[in-house]
Amino acid sequence: MPPPQRLIGVVGKTNVGKSTFFAAATLAQVEIANHPFTTIEPNVGVGYVRVRCAHVELGLPRCDPASGYCLEGWRFIPVKMMDVAGLIPGAHEGRGLGNKFLDDLRQADALILVVDAAGATDPEGRPAQPGSYDPVEEVRWMEKELDEWFYRIISRDWDKFARSLYDKNPVDALAQRLSGLSVRKHHIEEALKRAGLEEKHPMRWSLDDLREFARVVRRVSKPILVAANKADLDPAEDNIKRMRKELKDYIIVPTSAAAELALKRAAKAGLIRYIPGDPKFEIVDEKRLTPQQLKALEYIEEKVLKRWGSTGVQDAINRAVFDLMNMIIVYPVEDANKYTDSRGRILPDAYLVPRGTTARQLAYMVHTDLGKTFLYAIDAKTKRRIGEDYILENNAVVKIVAAAAKKA
């Protein structure tokens, strides 16, 4: 029983390449068109984080992934992704598909905000002359829409709720109230601390306090990474430099979703060798490519890979998982010497778990009974015995030792 899969929401206004980004990340078949509101129902798919597989470090010839895959020593571990309807100014008030768009995001643990870094899309999602719109402002008004969405939900019947906290623990009550937004207790604690409201009872909060709390709890529970898309277009380069200067609170990743999608499709067709996230590709047989295909690959090489080092799509997923969600990779095994499960598969499972996860918490993730009857764990790399409160390190390989189940 692997840990609950985290969810990355892919968001942005229409026509910025949002659905192309999602398709490139997941190779899902989604409708991609140059008009507003192409995405009506959310598309859900599986993307992958890329890490150097533990079998390489351990000197093993291979691994046997039960999910995801391993390619030339790179382990690709699944993560759930959702592409939702496009956002326009006023979405929190119901403009466009705003209410639906925002409601679809409730379960997201982090957001990849796809922005037109070339400034070639107006605020309503209509194509425009490259360089004519400001991606910095695009990030700011989108963030405002998300913050206003949180504020509207939190402030609903607030006075009545605050009075009900007279003899209750405010943190637990707030966590319960916001559980539908995937806001957890640790998010509430962190938001109260950042907003300077730890010592102030919610009954005494001003409207400004409430708005600040809503803003901070949104940032803590649904952090944003900015995918500066269409990075192959010339106006994008200067815009990305300015974005990094003016939006210092954000991770800005230059991306070309269209290039990544083209490379993945070419690789799937056997036309090129390409590992997602690599800075280059290799043509298998030039004779199989049309002049148009060769020209497109040359464009990707010059305008994307040489300019930015990759298409950025894989980097955006990795940074959303490891930097925003603060996750690590752990490999549970049953044989600490052979690094296998009961079926003899080498490193079959790679779990994405929160940094700070303990050995016993991992045992519960593997199976409830292992958590309940936990005795100790073994660090398979060092063969050292570790206790229940031991905090696991990234890329750990761990065997759980539990008491034998009692017979009825």
Protein backbone atom coordinates (compact mmCIF):
# COMPACT_ATOMS: atom_id res chain seq x y z
CA MET A 1 0.00 0.00 0.00
CA PRO A 2 2.06 2.97 -1.26
CA PRO A 3 1.60 6.41 0.33
CA PRO A 4 -1.24 8.58 -0.99
CA GLN A 5 -0.36 10.00 -4.38
CA ARG A 6 0.22 13.74 -4.32
CA LEU A 7 -1.58 15.85 -6.90
CA ILE A 8 -0.07 18.64 -9.01
CA GLY A 9 -2.57 21.04 -10.52
CA VAL A 10 -1.59 22.50 -13.89
CA VAL A 11 -3.18 25.95 -14.09
CA GLY A 12 -3.06 29.07 -16.24
CA LYS A 13 -5.15 31.21 -18.53
CA THR A 14 -6.22 29.84 -21.90
CA ASN A 15 -3.85 29.56 -24.88
CA VAL A 16 -0.62 29.74 -22.90
CA GLY A 17 0.22 26.08 -23.57
CA LYS A 18 -1.30 24.72 -20.36
CA SER A 19 -2.89 21.64 -21.94
CA THR A 20 0.20 21.13 -24.09
CA PHE A 21 2.28 21.16 -20.90
CA PHE A 22 -0.03 18.57 -19.35
CA ALA A 23 0.09 16.41 -22.49
CA ALA A 24 3.88 16.67 -22.62
CA ALA A 25 4.16 15.72 -18.95
CA THR A 26 1.79 12.76 -19.16
CA LEU A 27 1.54 11.89 -22.88
CA ALA A 28 -2.20 11.94 -22.29
CA GLN A 29 -4.53 12.56 -25.21
CA VAL A 30 -6.07 15.95 -24.41
CA GLU A 31 -7.72 18.49 -26.68
CA ILE A 32 -5.26 21.20 -27.64
CA ALA A 33 -6.64 24.15 -29.57
CA ASN A 34 -6.04 27.85 -30.02
CA HIS A 35 -9.28 29.17 -28.54
CA PRO A 36 -10.59 29.90 -25.03
CA PHE A 37 -11.82 27.15 -22.72
CA THR A 38 -10.54 24.16 -24.66
CA THR A 39 -10.37 22.32 -21.33
CA ILE A 40 -13.82 22.10 -19.76
CA GLU A 41 -13.64 18.95 -17.65
CA PRO A 42 -10.32 18.49 -15.83
CA ASN A 43 -7.87 16.09 -17.46
CA VAL A 44 -6.19 13.75 -14.99
CA GLY A 45 -3.04 11.83 -15.83
CA VAL A 46 0.27 10.56 -14.54
CA GLY A 47 3.50 12.49 -14.80
CA TYR A 48 6.86 11.37 -13.45
CA VAL A 49 9.63 12.74 -11.31
CA ARG A 50 13.10 11.84 -12.50
CA VAL A 51 15.86 10.75 -10.08
CA ARG A 52 19.05 8.76 -10.31
CA CYS A 53 17.94 5.24 -9.39
CA ALA A 54 19.29 3.66 -6.21
CA HIS A 55 20.36 0.57 -8.19
CA VAL A 56 23.12 2.66 -9.79
CA GLU A 57 24.51 3.72 -6.40
CA LEU A 58 24.29 0.13 -5.14
CA GLY A 59 26.18 -1.23 -8.17
CA LEU A 60 23.26 -3.41 -9.26
CA PRO A 61 22.80 -4.22 -12.95
CA ARG A 62 19.13 -3.23 -12.99
CA CYS A 63 15.93 -2.63 -11.03
CA ASP A 64 12.40 -3.97 -11.50
CA PRO A 65 9.92 -1.10 -11.04
CA ALA A 66 6.40 -2.16 -10.05
CA SER A 67 5.22 1.29 -11.16
CA GLY A 68 6.87 3.93 -13.27
CA TYR A 69 9.99 2.88 -15.15
CA CYS A 70 13.80 3.07 -15.18
CA LEU A 71 15.71 4.22 -18.25
CA GLU A 72 19.49 4.19 -18.43
CA GLY A 73 19.79 4.53 -14.66
CA TRP A 74 17.11 7.23 -14.34
CA ARG A 75 14.10 6.22 -12.25
CA PHE A 76 10.79 7.79 -13.25
CA ILE A 77 8.35 7.74 -10.34
CA PRO A 78 4.65 8.45 -10.94
CA VAL A 79 2.87 11.52 -9.63
CA LYS A 80 -0.75 12.45 -10.31
CA MET A 81 -1.39 15.56 -12.40
CA MET A 82 -4.54 17.51 -13.28
CA ASP A 83 -5.11 20.04 -16.06
CA VAL A 84 -8.08 22.26 -15.22
CA ALA A 85 -10.15 24.83 -17.10
CA GLY A 86 -8.44 28.10 -18.00
CA LEU A 87 -8.42 31.05 -15.64
CA ILE A 88 -9.36 34.63 -16.59
CA PRO A 89 -9.54 37.81 -14.47
CA GLY A 90 -12.56 37.66 -12.17
CA ALA A 91 -12.59 33.85 -11.97
CA HIS A 92 -13.16 33.90 -8.19
CA GLU A 93 -16.36 35.83 -8.89
CA GLY A 94 -17.52 33.23 -11.40
CA ARG A 95 -16.29 34.80 -14.67
CA GLY A 96 -15.63 32.30 -17.44
CA LEU A 97 -15.47 28.87 -15.86
CA GLY A 98 -13.98 30.36 -12.70
CA ASN A 99 -16.02 28.60 -10.03
CA LYS A 100 -15.52 25.22 -11.68
CA PHE A 101 -11.84 25.87 -12.33
CA LEU A 102 -11.21 26.71 -8.70
CA ASP A 103 -13.33 23.90 -7.32
CA ASP A 104 -11.34 21.38 -9.37
CA LEU A 105 -8.16 22.56 -7.60
CA ARG A 106 -9.33 21.68 -4.08
CA GLN A 107 -7.29 18.48 -3.84
CA ALA A 108 -4.06 19.83 -5.38
CA ASP A 109 -0.93 19.78 -3.20
CA ALA A 110 1.03 22.14 -5.45
CA LEU A 111 0.36 24.18 -8.57
CA ILE A 112 2.36 24.57 -11.76
CA LEU A 113 1.27 27.92 -13.16
CA VAL A 114 1.85 27.93 -16.91
CA VAL A 115 2.46 31.49 -18.12
CA ASP A 116 3.05 32.82 -21.62
CA ALA A 117 6.61 34.08 -21.17
CA ALA A 118 6.58 35.49 -24.71
CA GLY A 119 3.67 37.80 -23.84
CA ALA A 120 1.70 36.51 -26.83
CA THR A 121 -1.69 36.05 -25.12
CA ASP A 122 -3.97 38.77 -23.76
CA PRO A 123 -5.65 38.50 -20.30
CA GLU A 124 -8.76 36.88 -21.83
CA GLY A 125 -6.66 34.16 -23.47
CA ARG A 126 -6.77 35.55 -27.01
CA PRO A 127 -3.62 35.27 -29.19
CA ALA A 128 -1.72 38.54 -29.49
CA GLN A 129 1.51 39.93 -30.89
CA PRO A 130 4.49 38.37 -29.04
CA GLY A 131 5.86 40.82 -26.50
CA SER A 132 2.62 42.78 -26.19
CA TYR A 133 1.56 41.44 -22.77
CA ASP A 134 3.41 41.28 -19.47
CA PRO A 135 3.95 37.79 -17.94
CA VAL A 136 4.89 39.36 -14.59
CA GLU A 137 1.43 40.88 -14.30
CA GLU A 138 -0.05 37.58 -15.47
CA VAL A 139 1.50 35.82 -12.46
CA ARG A 140 0.33 38.53 -10.09
CA TRP A 141 -3.31 38.59 -11.13
CA MET A 142 -3.48 34.80 -11.19
CA GLU A 143 -2.12 34.66 -7.68
CA LYS A 144 -4.72 37.25 -6.65
CA GLU A 145 -7.50 35.06 -8.08
CA LEU A 146 -6.30 32.09 -6.04
CA ASP A 147 -5.96 34.15 -2.87
CA GLU A 148 -9.45 35.63 -3.30
CA TRP A 149 -10.85 32.12 -3.82
CA PHE A 150 -9.37 30.99 -0.50
CA TYR A 151 -10.57 34.14 1.25
CA ARG A 152 -14.14 33.67 0.03
CA ILE A 153 -14.23 30.10 1.34
CA ILE A 154 -12.59 30.90 4.68
CA SER A 155 -14.63 34.05 5.37
CA ARG A 156 -17.99 32.39 4.73
CA ASP A 157 -19.99 32.53 8.01
CA TRP A 158 -16.73 33.50 9.73
CA ASP A 159 -18.27 35.32 12.72
CA LYS A 160 -20.41 32.32 13.60
CA PHE A 161 -17.46 29.95 13.20
CA ALA A 162 -15.10 32.14 15.26
CA ARG A 163 -17.62 32.33 18.14
CA SER A 164 -17.87 28.54 18.13
CA LEU A 165 -14.13 28.34 18.94
CA TYR A 166 -14.56 29.76 22.44
CA ASP A 167 -13.64 26.47 24.15
CA LYS A 168 -12.00 24.65 21.21
CA ASN A 169 -8.50 24.29 19.83
CA PRO A 170 -8.40 26.83 16.95
CA VAL A 171 -5.77 24.88 14.99
CA ASP A 172 -7.80 21.66 14.98
CA ALA A 173 -11.02 23.53 14.18
CA LEU A 174 -9.43 25.45 11.29
CA ALA A 175 -7.89 22.28 9.90
CA GLN A 176 -11.27 20.56 9.97
CA ARG A 177 -12.97 23.58 8.39
CA LEU A 178 -10.46 23.67 5.51
CA SER A 179 -9.97 19.91 5.06
CA GLY A 180 -11.97 20.05 1.82
CA LEU A 181 -9.18 22.21 0.38
CA SER A 182 -6.55 19.60 1.33
CA VAL A 183 -5.31 21.96 4.05
CA ARG A 184 -3.70 19.95 6.83
CA LYS A 185 -2.95 20.76 10.45
CA HIS A 186 0.71 21.54 9.78
CA HIS A 187 -0.38 24.00 7.07
CA ILE A 188 -2.57 25.83 9.61
CA GLU A 189 0.24 25.97 12.16
CA GLU A 190 2.70 27.32 9.60
CA ALA A 191 0.20 29.89 8.27
CA LEU A 192 -0.62 31.20 11.75
CA LYS A 193 3.09 31.58 12.43
CA ARG A 194 3.82 33.39 9.16
CA ALA A 195 0.77 35.65 9.53
CA GLY A 196 1.74 36.57 13.11
CA LEU A 197 -1.53 35.19 14.48
CA GLU A 198 -0.25 32.39 16.73
CA GLU A 199 -1.15 34.23 19.92
CA LYS A 200 -4.33 35.90 18.66
CA HIS A 201 -7.58 33.98 19.02
CA PRO A 202 -9.69 33.91 15.80
CA MET A 203 -12.54 35.58 17.72
CA ARG A 204 -10.36 38.71 17.84
CA TRP A 205 -9.18 38.66 14.22
CA SER A 206 -9.84 41.77 12.15
CA LEU A 207 -10.86 41.52 8.49
CA ASP A 208 -7.25 42.30 7.58
CA ASP A 209 -6.09 39.43 9.81
CA LEU A 210 -8.53 37.07 8.13
CA ARG A 211 -7.45 38.11 4.65
CA GLU A 212 -3.77 37.75 5.55
CA PHE A 213 -4.38 34.30 7.03
CA ALA A 214 -6.24 33.23 3.87
CA ARG A 215 -3.40 34.50 1.69
CA VAL A 216 -0.71 32.73 3.68
CA VAL A 217 -2.55 29.43 4.14
CA ARG A 218 -3.10 29.30 0.36
CA ARG A 219 0.61 29.81 -0.25
CA VAL A 220 1.55 27.19 2.31
CA SER A 221 -0.97 24.54 1.23
CA LYS A 222 -0.93 25.18 -2.53
CA PRO A 223 2.51 26.59 -3.37
CA ILE A 224 3.08 27.77 -6.94
CA LEU A 225 5.88 27.08 -9.41
CA VAL A 226 5.84 29.23 -12.55
CA ALA A 227 6.43 27.46 -15.86
CA ALA A 228 7.55 30.30 -18.13
CA ASN A 229 6.25 28.68 -21.30
CA LYS A 230 6.91 29.45 -24.97
CA ALA A 231 10.52 30.07 -23.96
CA ASP A 232 11.59 29.36 -27.54
CA LEU A 233 10.06 32.63 -28.77
CA ASP A 234 12.50 35.55 -28.82
CA PRO A 235 10.61 37.96 -26.50
CA ALA A 236 10.61 35.28 -23.80
CA GLU A 237 14.31 35.51 -22.94
CA ASP A 238 14.18 39.10 -21.66
CA ASN A 239 10.82 38.49 -20.00
CA ILE A 240 12.17 35.48 -18.08
CA LYS A 241 15.12 37.53 -16.82
CA ARG A 242 12.68 40.17 -15.59
CA MET A 243 10.38 37.55 -14.05
CA ARG A 244 13.26 36.15 -12.04
CA LYS A 245 14.15 39.64 -10.87
CA GLU A 246 10.64 40.83 -9.98
CA LEU A 247 9.09 37.56 -8.79
CA LYS A 248 11.77 36.47 -6.34
CA ASP A 249 9.33 34.50 -4.17
CA TYR A 250 8.69 32.09 -7.03
CA ILE A 251 10.59 29.30 -8.70
CA ILE A 252 10.66 30.31 -12.39
CA VAL A 253 11.34 27.47 -14.85
CA PRO A 254 11.68 28.30 -18.56
CA THR A 255 9.69 25.73 -20.54
CA SER A 256 8.72 24.81 -24.07
CA ALA A 257 5.87 22.36 -23.65
CA ALA A 258 5.44 22.05 -27.41
CA ALA A 259 9.10 21.01 -27.79
CA GLU A 260 8.83 18.41 -25.02
CA LEU A 261 5.65 16.97 -26.52
CA ALA A 262 7.28 16.76 -29.97
CA LEU A 263 10.38 15.03 -28.58
CA LYS A 264 8.38 12.51 -26.57
CA ARG A 265 6.18 11.65 -29.54
CA ALA A 266 9.23 11.28 -31.80
CA ALA A 267 10.90 9.04 -29.23
CA LYS A 268 7.75 6.94 -28.86
CA ALA A 269 7.68 6.49 -32.65
CA GLY A 270 11.30 5.34 -32.56
CA LEU A 271 12.56 8.31 -34.59
CA ILE A 272 14.89 9.66 -31.89
CA ARG A 273 16.45 8.57 -28.61
CA TYR A 274 15.40 10.95 -25.87
CA ILE A 275 15.16 10.66 -22.10
CA PRO A 276 12.73 13.23 -20.62
CA GLY A 277 14.73 16.00 -19.00
CA ASP A 278 17.87 15.44 -21.07
CA PRO A 279 19.68 18.39 -22.70
CA LYS A 280 19.90 16.59 -26.05
CA PHE A 281 18.39 13.92 -28.28
CA GLU A 282 19.82 11.55 -30.88
CA ILE A 283 18.29 10.89 -34.31
CA VAL A 284 17.98 7.15 -34.90
CA ASP A 285 17.74 7.19 -38.69
CA GLU A 286 17.65 10.49 -40.53
CA LYS A 287 16.19 8.80 -43.63
CA ARG A 288 12.96 8.10 -41.73
CA LEU A 289 12.38 11.79 -41.05
CA THR A 290 10.65 14.21 -43.43
CA PRO A 291 12.29 17.57 -44.19
CA GLN A 292 9.63 19.23 -41.99
CA GLN A 293 10.45 16.90 -39.08
CA LEU A 294 14.17 17.54 -39.43
CA LYS A 295 13.55 21.28 -39.49
CA ALA A 296 11.40 21.04 -36.36
CA LEU A 297 14.08 19.06 -34.51
CA GLU A 298 16.74 21.58 -35.55
CA TYR A 299 14.52 24.39 -34.21
CA ILE A 300 14.08 22.59 -30.87
CA GLU A 301 17.82 22.01 -30.60
CA GLU A 302 18.72 25.65 -31.33
CA LYS A 303 15.88 27.58 -29.71
CA VAL A 304 15.19 25.36 -26.70
CA LEU A 305 17.89 22.86 -25.73
CA LYS A 306 20.95 25.00 -26.47
CA ARG A 307 19.29 28.12 -25.04
CA TRP A 308 17.82 26.67 -21.84
CA GLY A 309 19.52 23.29 -21.31
CA SER A 310 16.26 21.31 -21.57
CA THR A 311 12.62 21.80 -22.45
CA GLY A 312 12.00 22.54 -18.76
CA VAL A 313 8.93 20.31 -18.40
CA GLN A 314 10.71 17.60 -16.42
CA ASP A 315 12.50 20.19 -14.30
CA ALA A 316 9.19 21.85 -13.46
CA ILE A 317 7.68 18.55 -12.26
CA ASN A 318 10.78 17.68 -10.23
CA ARG A 319 10.94 21.05 -8.54
CA ALA A 320 7.22 21.03 -7.78
CA VAL A 321 7.60 17.69 -5.99
CA PHE A 322 10.95 18.15 -4.28
CA ASP A 323 11.11 21.92 -3.69
CA LEU A 324 7.44 22.86 -3.22
CA MET A 325 6.06 19.65 -1.67
CA ASN A 326 9.37 18.87 0.08
CA MET A 327 9.25 15.17 -0.75
CA ILE A 328 11.99 12.53 -0.74
CA ILE A 329 12.37 9.07 -2.32
CA VAL A 330 12.42 5.91 -0.18
CA TYR A 331 12.73 2.33 -1.43
CA PRO A 332 11.12 -0.28 0.91
CA VAL A 333 12.44 -3.85 0.45
CA GLU A 334 11.99 -7.21 2.16
CA ASP A 335 15.53 -8.54 1.67
CA ALA A 336 18.12 -6.02 2.92
CA ASN A 337 20.98 -7.93 1.28
CA LYS A 338 19.53 -8.51 -2.18
CA TYR A 339 17.37 -5.32 -2.15
CA THR A 340 14.36 -7.33 -3.29
CA ASP A 341 10.73 -7.94 -2.39
CA SER A 342 9.18 -11.35 -1.65
CA ARG A 343 8.96 -12.06 -5.39
CA GLY A 344 12.65 -11.37 -5.97
CA ARG A 345 12.10 -8.06 -7.76
CA ILE A 346 14.98 -5.62 -7.28
CA LEU A 347 13.92 -2.26 -5.78
CA PRO A 348 10.36 -2.62 -7.07
CA ASP A 349 8.87 0.24 -5.09
CA ALA A 350 9.99 3.85 -4.95
CA TYR A 351 7.84 5.88 -2.56
CA LEU A 352 7.46 9.64 -2.61
CA VAL A 353 7.14 10.60 1.07
CA PRO A 354 7.29 13.91 2.96
CA ARG A 355 10.71 14.94 4.24
CA GLY A 356 10.76 14.07 7.95
CA THR A 357 9.03 10.69 7.53
CA THR A 358 10.07 8.22 10.23
CA ALA A 359 10.74 4.50 9.91
CA ARG A 360 7.45 3.59 11.62
CA GLN A 361 5.49 6.00 9.42
CA LEU A 362 7.00 4.26 6.39
CA ALA A 363 5.92 0.91 7.86
CA TYR A 364 2.32 2.15 8.03
CA MET A 365 2.56 3.28 4.40
CA VAL A 366 3.72 -0.18 3.30
CA HIS A 367 0.98 -1.95 5.30
CA THR A 368 -1.10 -1.02 8.35
CA ASP A 369 -0.16 -4.27 10.11
CA LEU A 370 3.56 -3.52 9.66
CA GLY A 371 3.04 -0.17 11.34
CA LYS A 372 1.12 -1.67 14.25
CA THR A 373 3.61 -4.50 14.88
CA PHE A 374 6.77 -2.53 14.01
CA LEU A 375 9.89 -3.70 15.87
CA TYR A 376 12.70 -1.92 14.01
CA ALA A 377 13.96 -1.21 10.51
CA ILE A 378 17.22 -1.86 8.71
CA ASP A 379 19.05 0.65 6.55
CA ALA A 380 19.82 -1.72 3.68
CA LYS A 381 22.74 0.38 2.45
CA THR A 382 24.64 0.28 5.76
CA LYS A 383 22.92 -2.80 7.30
CA ARG A 384 22.38 -0.68 10.41
CA ARG A 385 19.35 -1.19 12.65
CA ILE A 386 17.22 1.93 13.04
CA GLY A 387 14.39 2.71 15.46
CA GLU A 388 10.83 3.82 14.94
CA ASP A 389 11.59 7.54 15.31
CA TYR A 390 14.53 7.50 12.91
CA ILE A 391 13.99 10.14 10.21
CA LEU A 392 14.60 8.65 6.79
CA GLU A 393 17.02 10.23 4.36
CA ASN A 394 16.44 10.78 0.66
CA ASN A 395 17.14 7.71 -1.49
CA ALA A 396 17.05 5.41 1.55
CA VAL A 397 16.56 1.68 1.04
CA VAL A 398 14.75 0.26 4.06
CA LYS A 399 13.63 -3.13 5.36
CA ILE A 400 10.84 -3.12 7.96
CA VAL A 401 11.01 -5.78 10.68
CA ALA A 402 7.72 -6.45 12.46
CA ALA A 403 6.39 -8.93 15.00
CA ALA A 404 4.74 -12.05 13.64
CA ALA A 405 0.99 -11.71 13.37
CA LYS A 406 -0.91 -13.57 16.07
CA LYS A 407 -2.97 -16.53 14.88
CA ALA A 408 -6.64 -16.49 15.66
